[in-house]
Each structure stands twice: as structure tokens, then as C-alpha cells.
């Protein structure tokens, strides 16, 4: 699936935009704060249902306007796809796909698969486990909608169990009903852990090859660090064993909501001991590995977005990275025309030429 056309109305600093894209490489070039990343954000928002910059959707609406609209048209050799997203202040987000109202955002995920990378994605390697869980969740959800709804169910059950843990100063009162939530949590949690374990086992070899290629030979190892149980009954026993601790803490301390990914470079943990260049290359390698996993699972490459990435890489890494763009439709944003490839789109003050 490739993005053919994008229309924006009152999105960020765009009053109105109607632009067609190349099925190969599209380079957005212009000075900072002109709207390059805003345009890429609109594409991401239509495909994923969330912004990569903010959780406050009202910030996406143009200044002093009441609402905005994104219309994205995509196609492949078999079908066309139109996704429309409408935001209105004080109202819930409205989404239509091929003219049909969509009630659950999970139904949009994976219709136009997308992989996004920017310098901020260094958080994938450097920051908390939450960033690495987010990476797994978005990627798996794009190829497995069942996982997205399973994850939503798990989070609701987890919230209810945590509320119960804090509901009474009497431990015995909590013990009377916690078994219900233990069983529900185990049922969903064991499935989430399996999906993540399978995903990491699939993506790891691709990430290792990508890192070796981009870095010129450095060895990357990626491992899933999650719950150590094989059945729901084992899971329940773990929850029962940790009850006293959970009760004191007021939250659940065991489960896939605590998962992480370990990333090593030449046997050394990248997060703590890798240079910034090594960390950036490791994060980029994981993202490029997503291309191969999505291709393997869906039969076609996703759209690749590279937001202001080339200025952070040396010349050799830039050249190697550009070779990946031949595999899929790619969007590149940059302030420097020397980094442009394919169709060049100049961006200035919320307009394109």
C-alpha cells in the first residue's frame, strides 16, 4: 500500500493542502518550523490514529479554528483506500474509511502500514521500558488487529485489579474478589507475552543485519525480557505470590505491562554504554527491521517516514540508509537539499511547491 494523495484542512499550520506523492521517494525540504514535520504527522495520524508528537489532539487544529480534517488516499495493485479523520473541539474524533464511519480506531490500524523514524526515536533505546513496549505494540497491532483489542482488554482488567488493591484497608476484603481479576489478567497477559516474544524473535535477525550494514560491521543483539511463565495457571500463581507486595504498593507488579527489550552491541548494553551514534544506529536498525517484518506478515512493504534523520548521520550511514528507500515508498524531511531524493516538495509557511 502506497500513499497517493493527502488533503489537509486547518491542520497545524496548514489552512488547506492538496498534494499528490510519488510511489517511490518524496523529499520535503525547507527551513525549520515551516510545516515539514506537520505534514508527516498528518500522514502518521491518519494511519495510526495517534500523533507521534502530542497526546492532546486539540493541538492539531489550526490556531483559532474549531476543527480540522485529514483525507488520505492510498492504493496498491488490488484496491484503493480512503481514510478521513475529523477533529472538532469539544467532540470525539471522527474517522471514516472508504466512506464508512469507524467506531474503533483499531479497525484503521494496518490498512496503510507505516514505519516512522526521527531523531526523537532515540528514546526507543535510551528511555524507559514504556518506549520499547510502545514500539512493540504499534508494530504488532499493524499486522494483528486481534492483538490491539487484546491489549485494550488487558489494560482495562489491569486498571480494575489496581483499583481493587487500593479499595480497602482490609486485606481480607480484597482477597475475596481478586481471584476474578487474576484469572482475567492471566488469560489476556499470557497471550500478549507470546505475541511479543514471537515478534522479537522474528525482528531480531533483521535488526542485526540492518545494524551490521549501516554501521559497517557492528554486531547487534535484541532480546525480549518479559514474564517467565508458560501457562495461565503459572501466571495466576505468580499473581498470588506477589499479592502482599502488590497490596502494599497499590498496583500490580507482575505482567506484560512491565516488559522490556534488551539491546546489546558487541555484547555490551547499548542503553547504558553505547555512544549516541551507536544508540541512534541501533534504534534506526530496529525501525528498518520493521519494514521486513511487516513485509513478511502482510506481503507488502509499509510506508517509511524519515523525519530530519540525515543531518544526524555521517555520510557513510546516509548512503547505506538511502539504499533501503528503494524497497518502499519513503518520505524524507530535511533542511538541506543535498539530502533530497526522488520527488522534491518545498515547504514554506504551511504551503508546498
Protein backbone atom coordinates (compact mmCIF):
# COMPACT_ATOMS: atom_id res chain seq x y z
CA UNK A 1 0.00 0.00 0.00
CA UNK A 2 1.33 3.42 -1.01
CA UNK A 3 0.04 6.88 -0.21
CA UNK A 4 -1.21 8.59 -3.33
CA UNK A 5 -2.71 11.85 -2.08
CA UNK A 6 -3.11 13.92 1.09
CA UNK A 7 -5.62 16.68 1.79
CA UNK A 8 -5.45 18.88 4.87
CA UNK A 9 -7.89 21.48 6.16
CA UNK A 10 -6.87 23.58 9.19
CA UNK A 11 -4.33 21.01 10.36
CA UNK A 12 -1.48 22.58 12.38
CA UNK A 13 -0.14 25.44 10.23
CA UNK A 14 -1.88 24.25 7.04
CA UNK A 15 -5.02 26.16 6.11
CA UNK A 16 -5.57 23.99 3.04
CA UNK A 17 -3.37 21.48 1.24
CA UNK A 18 -3.96 19.04 -1.59
CA UNK A 19 -0.84 17.17 -2.66
CA UNK A 20 -0.02 14.02 -4.65
CA UNK A 21 3.02 11.88 -3.88
CA UNK A 22 5.45 9.72 -5.78
CA UNK A 23 5.14 5.97 -5.14
CA UNK A 24 8.90 5.94 -4.55
CA UNK A 25 10.80 8.67 -2.64
CA UNK A 26 9.31 12.02 -1.57
CA UNK A 27 11.63 14.65 -0.09
CA UNK A 28 10.16 17.53 1.93
CA UNK A 29 12.67 20.35 2.09
CA UNK A 30 12.55 23.73 3.81
CA UNK A 31 13.70 25.74 6.78
CA UNK A 32 12.75 24.72 10.31
CA UNK A 33 9.22 25.42 11.62
CA UNK A 34 7.68 25.67 8.14
CA UNK A 35 5.46 22.56 8.27
CA UNK A 36 7.53 19.59 7.08
CA UNK A 37 7.02 17.56 10.26
CA UNK A 38 3.38 18.71 10.46
CA UNK A 39 2.73 17.12 7.07
CA UNK A 40 4.38 13.87 8.14
CA UNK A 41 2.43 13.96 11.40
CA UNK A 42 -0.83 14.17 9.42
CA UNK A 43 0.12 11.03 7.46
CA UNK A 44 1.04 9.19 10.65
CA UNK A 45 -2.13 10.32 12.43
CA UNK A 46 -4.37 9.07 9.62
CA UNK A 47 -2.62 5.67 9.52
CA UNK A 48 -2.13 5.03 13.26
CA UNK A 49 -4.86 7.13 14.88
CA UNK A 50 -2.41 8.93 17.18
CA UNK A 51 0.15 11.70 16.89
CA UNK A 52 3.85 10.95 17.41
CA UNK A 53 4.24 14.40 19.00
CA UNK A 54 1.32 15.02 21.35
CA UNK A 55 -1.47 13.26 23.20
CA UNK A 56 -3.63 16.40 23.08
CA UNK A 57 -5.45 16.18 19.78
CA UNK A 58 -6.83 19.72 20.02
CA UNK A 59 -3.25 20.89 19.41
CA UNK A 60 -3.55 19.52 15.86
CA UNK A 61 -6.25 22.05 15.00
CA UNK A 62 -5.02 25.23 13.34
CA UNK A 63 -4.84 28.30 15.56
CA UNK A 64 -8.22 29.97 16.15
CA UNK A 65 -10.11 27.27 14.21
CA UNK A 66 -12.79 24.95 15.58
CA UNK A 67 -11.81 21.80 13.75
CA UNK A 68 -9.57 20.14 11.17
CA UNK A 69 -9.72 17.34 8.64
CA UNK A 70 -7.21 14.91 7.14
CA UNK A 71 -8.02 12.94 4.00
CA UNK A 72 -5.50 10.30 2.95
CA UNK A 73 -5.79 8.27 -0.24
CA UNK A 74 -3.69 5.16 -0.70
CA UNK A 75 -3.64 2.22 -3.09
CA UNK A 76 -1.91 -0.92 -4.21
CA UNK A 77 -2.43 -3.13 -7.25
CA UNK A 78 -5.56 -4.67 -5.73
CA UNK A 79 -7.51 -1.86 -4.04
CA UNK A 80 -7.86 1.80 -3.14
CA UNK A 81 -8.18 3.09 0.42
CA UNK A 82 -9.50 6.43 1.65
CA UNK A 83 -9.11 7.39 5.33
CA UNK A 84 -10.74 10.57 6.64
CA UNK A 85 -10.10 11.92 10.13
CA UNK A 86 -12.10 14.84 11.55
CA UNK A 87 -11.28 16.64 14.79
CA UNK A 88 -13.65 19.13 16.38
CA UNK A 89 -13.02 20.99 19.62
CA UNK A 90 -15.09 19.51 22.46
CA UNK A 91 -16.03 16.40 20.44
CA UNK A 92 -14.68 12.92 19.93
CA UNK A 93 -12.51 12.17 16.95
CA UNK A 94 -14.46 11.04 13.88
CA UNK A 95 -12.95 8.55 11.43
CA UNK A 96 -14.27 7.27 8.11
CA UNK A 97 -12.73 4.55 5.98
CA UNK A 98 -13.93 4.25 2.39
CA UNK A 99 -16.94 6.38 3.35
CA UNK A 100 -17.94 4.18 6.31
CA UNK A 101 -17.85 5.53 9.87
CA UNK A 102 -15.31 3.70 12.04
CA UNK A 103 -16.15 3.37 15.72
CA UNK A 104 -12.91 1.70 16.82
CA UNK A 105 -9.54 3.14 15.82
CA UNK A 106 -8.11 -0.37 15.85
CA UNK A 107 -10.03 -1.06 12.63
CA UNK A 108 -7.83 1.50 10.83
CA UNK A 109 -4.50 0.11 12.08
CA UNK A 110 -2.66 -1.81 9.40
CA UNK A 111 -4.80 -0.60 6.50
CA UNK A 112 -1.87 1.58 5.45
CA UNK A 113 1.12 0.18 7.41
CA UNK A 114 3.71 2.77 8.33
CA UNK A 115 7.16 2.95 9.95
CA UNK A 116 8.30 6.27 11.41
CA UNK A 117 11.77 7.40 12.46
CA UNK A 118 13.11 10.74 13.70
CA UNK A 119 15.98 11.79 15.99
CA UNK A 120 13.48 11.64 18.88
CA UNK A 121 13.16 7.89 18.28
CA UNK A 122 16.46 7.58 20.13
CA UNK A 123 14.11 7.22 23.10
CA UNK A 124 13.49 3.68 21.89
CA UNK A 125 16.99 2.78 23.06
CA UNK A 126 17.73 5.35 25.78
CA UNK A 127 14.48 5.92 27.68
CA UNK A 128 12.19 3.83 29.86
CA UNK A 129 10.75 0.38 29.01
CA UNK A 130 7.47 2.15 28.16
CA UNK A 131 9.03 3.38 24.91
CA UNK A 132 10.06 -0.13 23.90
CA UNK A 133 6.63 -1.55 24.79
CA UNK A 134 5.08 1.20 22.64
CA UNK A 135 7.35 0.13 19.77
CA UNK A 136 6.17 -3.48 20.07
CA UNK A 137 2.51 -2.54 20.48
CA UNK A 138 2.30 -0.28 17.42
CA UNK A 139 4.15 -2.70 15.18
CA UNK A 140 2.29 -5.84 16.24
CA UNK A 141 -1.07 -4.04 16.08
CA UNK A 142 -0.46 -3.04 12.45
CA UNK A 143 -0.25 -6.68 11.42
CA UNK A 144 -2.57 -8.20 14.06
CA UNK A 145 -5.75 -6.32 14.97
CA UNK A 146 -6.65 -9.05 17.45
CA UNK A 147 -3.56 -8.05 19.44
CA UNK A 148 -4.69 -4.41 19.58
CA UNK A 149 -8.03 -5.34 21.14
CA UNK A 150 -6.40 -7.91 23.43
CA UNK A 151 -4.08 -5.18 24.69
CA UNK A 152 -7.02 -2.83 25.29
CA UNK A 153 -8.79 -5.58 27.25
CA UNK A 154 -5.67 -6.28 29.33
CA UNK A 155 -5.28 -2.60 30.24
CA UNK A 156 -8.89 -2.39 31.43
CA UNK A 157 -8.52 -5.54 33.55
CA UNK A 158 -5.23 -4.26 34.97
CA UNK A 159 -6.87 -0.95 35.89
CA UNK A 160 -9.69 -2.78 37.69
CA UNK A 161 -7.28 -5.00 39.62
CA UNK A 162 -5.24 -1.97 40.67
CA UNK A 163 -8.38 -0.17 41.83
CA UNK A 164 -9.32 -3.23 43.89
CA UNK A 165 -5.87 -3.33 45.51
CA UNK A 166 -6.43 0.23 46.74
CA UNK A 167 -10.12 -0.17 47.55
CA UNK A 168 -9.97 -1.29 51.19
CA UNK A 169 -7.66 -1.08 54.21
CA UNK A 170 -8.81 -4.63 54.97
CA UNK A 171 -6.68 -7.14 53.04
CA UNK A 172 -9.22 -9.93 53.53
CA UNK A 173 -11.93 -7.92 51.78
CA UNK A 174 -9.68 -7.50 48.72
CA UNK A 175 -8.79 -11.21 48.73
CA UNK A 176 -12.47 -12.15 48.41
CA UNK A 177 -12.72 -10.96 44.80
CA UNK A 178 -9.19 -10.59 43.47
CA UNK A 179 -9.16 -14.12 42.03
CA UNK A 180 -11.64 -12.96 39.34
CA UNK A 181 -9.20 -10.31 38.13
CA UNK A 182 -6.20 -12.66 38.46
CA UNK A 183 -7.77 -15.13 36.07
CA UNK A 184 -8.86 -12.48 33.58
CA UNK A 185 -5.43 -10.85 33.69
CA UNK A 186 -3.66 -14.19 33.19
CA UNK A 187 -5.85 -15.07 30.22
CA UNK A 188 -5.01 -11.86 28.35
CA UNK A 189 -1.46 -11.41 29.66
CA UNK A 190 -0.13 -14.80 28.58
CA UNK A 191 -1.34 -14.15 25.01
CA UNK A 192 0.23 -10.67 24.88
CA UNK A 193 3.55 -12.06 26.11
CA UNK A 194 3.51 -14.77 23.43
CA UNK A 195 2.82 -12.25 20.65
CA UNK A 196 5.67 -10.03 21.85
CA UNK A 197 8.08 -12.94 22.24
CA UNK A 198 7.29 -14.14 18.71
CA UNK A 199 7.63 -10.60 17.35
CA UNK A 200 11.08 -10.05 18.89
CA UNK A 201 12.30 -13.47 17.74
CA UNK A 202 11.25 -12.50 14.19
CA UNK A 203 12.55 -8.93 14.17
CA UNK A 204 15.88 -9.60 15.90
CA UNK A 205 17.69 -11.17 12.90
CA UNK A 206 16.57 -8.33 10.60
CA UNK A 207 17.70 -5.71 13.13
CA UNK A 208 21.07 -7.42 13.45
CA UNK A 209 21.58 -7.40 9.67
CA UNK A 210 20.44 -3.77 9.35
CA UNK A 211 22.77 -2.59 12.11
CA UNK A 212 25.72 -4.52 10.67
CA UNK A 213 25.05 -2.96 7.26
CA UNK A 214 24.51 0.65 8.38
CA UNK A 215 27.33 0.70 10.94
CA UNK A 216 29.78 -1.11 8.72
CA UNK A 217 30.10 -4.27 10.81
CA UNK A 218 28.99 -3.78 14.43
CA UNK A 219 27.07 -6.71 15.92
CA UNK A 220 23.62 -6.02 17.43
CA UNK A 221 21.62 -8.42 19.61
CA UNK A 222 17.96 -7.88 20.54
CA UNK A 223 16.18 -9.95 23.21
CA UNK A 224 12.69 -9.92 24.72
CA UNK A 225 12.59 -9.54 28.50
CA UNK A 226 9.13 -10.45 29.71
CA UNK A 227 7.13 -12.67 32.01
CA UNK A 228 8.69 -16.07 32.71
CA UNK A 229 5.59 -18.29 32.69
CA UNK A 230 4.27 -20.76 30.14
CA UNK A 231 0.64 -21.18 31.19
CA UNK A 232 -2.28 -19.27 32.69
CA UNK A 233 -2.06 -21.32 35.89
CA UNK A 234 1.60 -20.40 36.34
CA UNK A 235 0.66 -16.78 35.71
CA UNK A 236 -2.07 -16.90 38.38
CA UNK A 237 0.36 -18.41 40.89
CA UNK A 238 2.76 -15.54 40.23
CA UNK A 239 -0.01 -13.04 40.90
CA UNK A 240 -0.99 -14.85 44.09
CA UNK A 241 2.63 -14.93 45.24
CA UNK A 242 3.05 -11.20 44.66
CA UNK A 243 -0.27 -10.24 46.29
CA UNK A 244 1.15 -8.98 49.59
CA UNK A 245 3.63 -6.79 47.76
CA UNK A 246 1.00 -5.56 45.30
CA UNK A 247 -1.37 -4.73 48.13
CA UNK A 248 1.26 -2.60 49.85
CA UNK A 249 2.22 -0.88 46.61
CA UNK A 250 -1.34 -0.39 45.42
CA UNK A 251 -0.63 -1.72 41.92
CA UNK A 252 0.15 -4.94 40.03
CA UNK A 253 3.88 -5.66 39.86
CA UNK A 254 3.82 -8.70 37.55
CA UNK A 255 2.73 -8.86 33.94
CA UNK A 256 3.49 -7.73 30.37
CA UNK A 257 2.89 -4.11 31.38
CA UNK A 258 6.41 -4.42 32.85
CA UNK A 259 8.01 -5.94 29.72
CA UNK A 260 11.18 -4.63 28.15
CA UNK A 261 13.60 -5.27 25.28
CA UNK A 262 17.32 -5.77 25.90
CA UNK A 263 19.58 -4.33 23.19
CA UNK A 264 23.28 -5.22 23.08
CA UNK A 265 26.08 -4.08 20.80
CA UNK A 266 29.09 -6.39 20.69
CA UNK A 267 27.84 -7.89 23.98
CA UNK A 268 27.51 -4.52 25.75
CA UNK A 269 24.19 -2.94 26.71
CA UNK A 270 23.60 -0.08 24.26
CA UNK A 271 21.32 1.89 26.60
CA UNK A 272 23.97 2.37 29.27
CA UNK A 273 27.30 2.05 27.46
CA UNK A 274 26.74 2.79 23.75
CA UNK A 275 27.76 6.12 22.23
CA UNK A 276 24.99 8.38 20.91
CA UNK A 277 25.92 7.36 17.37
CA UNK A 278 25.66 3.67 18.27
CA UNK A 279 22.36 4.23 20.05
CA UNK A 280 20.96 6.09 17.05
CA UNK A 281 22.05 3.35 14.66
CA UNK A 282 20.58 0.65 16.91
CA UNK A 283 17.24 2.48 17.07
CA UNK A 284 17.24 3.00 13.31
CA UNK A 285 18.07 -0.67 12.75
CA UNK A 286 15.03 -1.72 14.78
CA UNK A 287 12.88 0.59 12.69
CA UNK A 288 14.27 -0.72 9.40
CA UNK A 289 13.70 -4.26 10.67
CA UNK A 290 10.03 -3.30 10.99
CA UNK A 291 9.93 -2.92 7.21
CA UNK A 292 10.89 -6.57 6.76
CA UNK A 293 8.57 -7.90 9.46
CA UNK A 294 5.56 -6.07 8.04
CA UNK A 295 6.50 -7.26 4.54
CA UNK A 296 6.80 -10.82 5.85
CA UNK A 297 3.46 -10.67 7.63
CA UNK A 298 1.36 -8.75 5.08
CA UNK A 299 3.05 -9.40 1.76
CA UNK A 300 3.95 -5.75 1.08
CA UNK A 301 6.31 -3.14 2.45
CA UNK A 302 4.94 -0.36 4.67
CA UNK A 303 5.41 3.34 4.07
CA UNK A 304 8.68 4.62 5.56
CA UNK A 305 8.91 8.11 7.11
CA UNK A 306 12.32 9.59 7.92
CA UNK A 307 11.89 12.92 9.69
CA UNK A 308 15.09 15.01 9.77
CA UNK A 309 17.24 11.90 10.07
CA UNK A 310 20.07 12.55 7.60
CA UNK A 311 21.52 15.52 9.47
CA UNK A 312 22.18 13.17 12.40
CA UNK A 313 24.10 10.58 10.36
CA UNK A 314 27.56 10.59 8.85
CA UNK A 315 27.94 10.29 5.08
CA UNK A 316 28.50 6.52 5.01
CA UNK A 317 25.44 5.83 7.13
CA UNK A 318 23.34 8.19 4.98
CA UNK A 319 24.35 6.38 1.80
CA UNK A 320 23.59 2.98 3.29
CA UNK A 321 20.26 4.15 4.65
CA UNK A 322 19.22 5.56 1.27
CA UNK A 323 19.60 2.09 -0.26
CA UNK A 324 16.72 0.95 1.96
CA UNK A 325 14.42 3.54 0.39
CA UNK A 326 14.31 1.58 -2.86
CA UNK A 327 12.28 -1.12 -1.09
CA UNK A 328 9.26 1.00 -0.23
CA UNK A 329 7.56 4.36 -0.57
CA UNK A 330 9.61 6.77 1.52
CA UNK A 331 9.06 10.27 2.90
CA UNK A 332 12.16 12.25 3.86
CA UNK A 333 12.15 15.64 5.56
CA UNK A 334 15.27 17.78 5.57
CA UNK A 335 16.53 21.36 5.69
CA UNK A 336 19.28 20.59 3.19
CA UNK A 337 18.56 19.90 -0.48
CA UNK A 338 21.72 17.81 -0.81
CA UNK A 339 19.90 15.07 1.12
CA UNK A 340 16.89 15.11 -1.23
CA UNK A 341 15.95 12.13 -3.38
CA UNK A 342 13.06 11.43 -5.75
CA UNK A 343 10.20 13.94 -5.86
CA UNK A 344 11.23 17.20 -4.16
CA UNK A 345 8.48 19.09 -2.31
CA UNK A 346 9.45 22.51 -0.97
CA UNK A 347 7.64 23.53 2.19
CA UNK A 348 7.32 27.12 3.45
CA UNK A 349 4.83 28.63 5.94
CA UNK A 350 2.32 25.81 5.65
CA UNK A 351 2.38 25.66 1.87
CA UNK A 352 4.07 23.35 -0.63
CA UNK A 353 5.52 23.92 -4.07
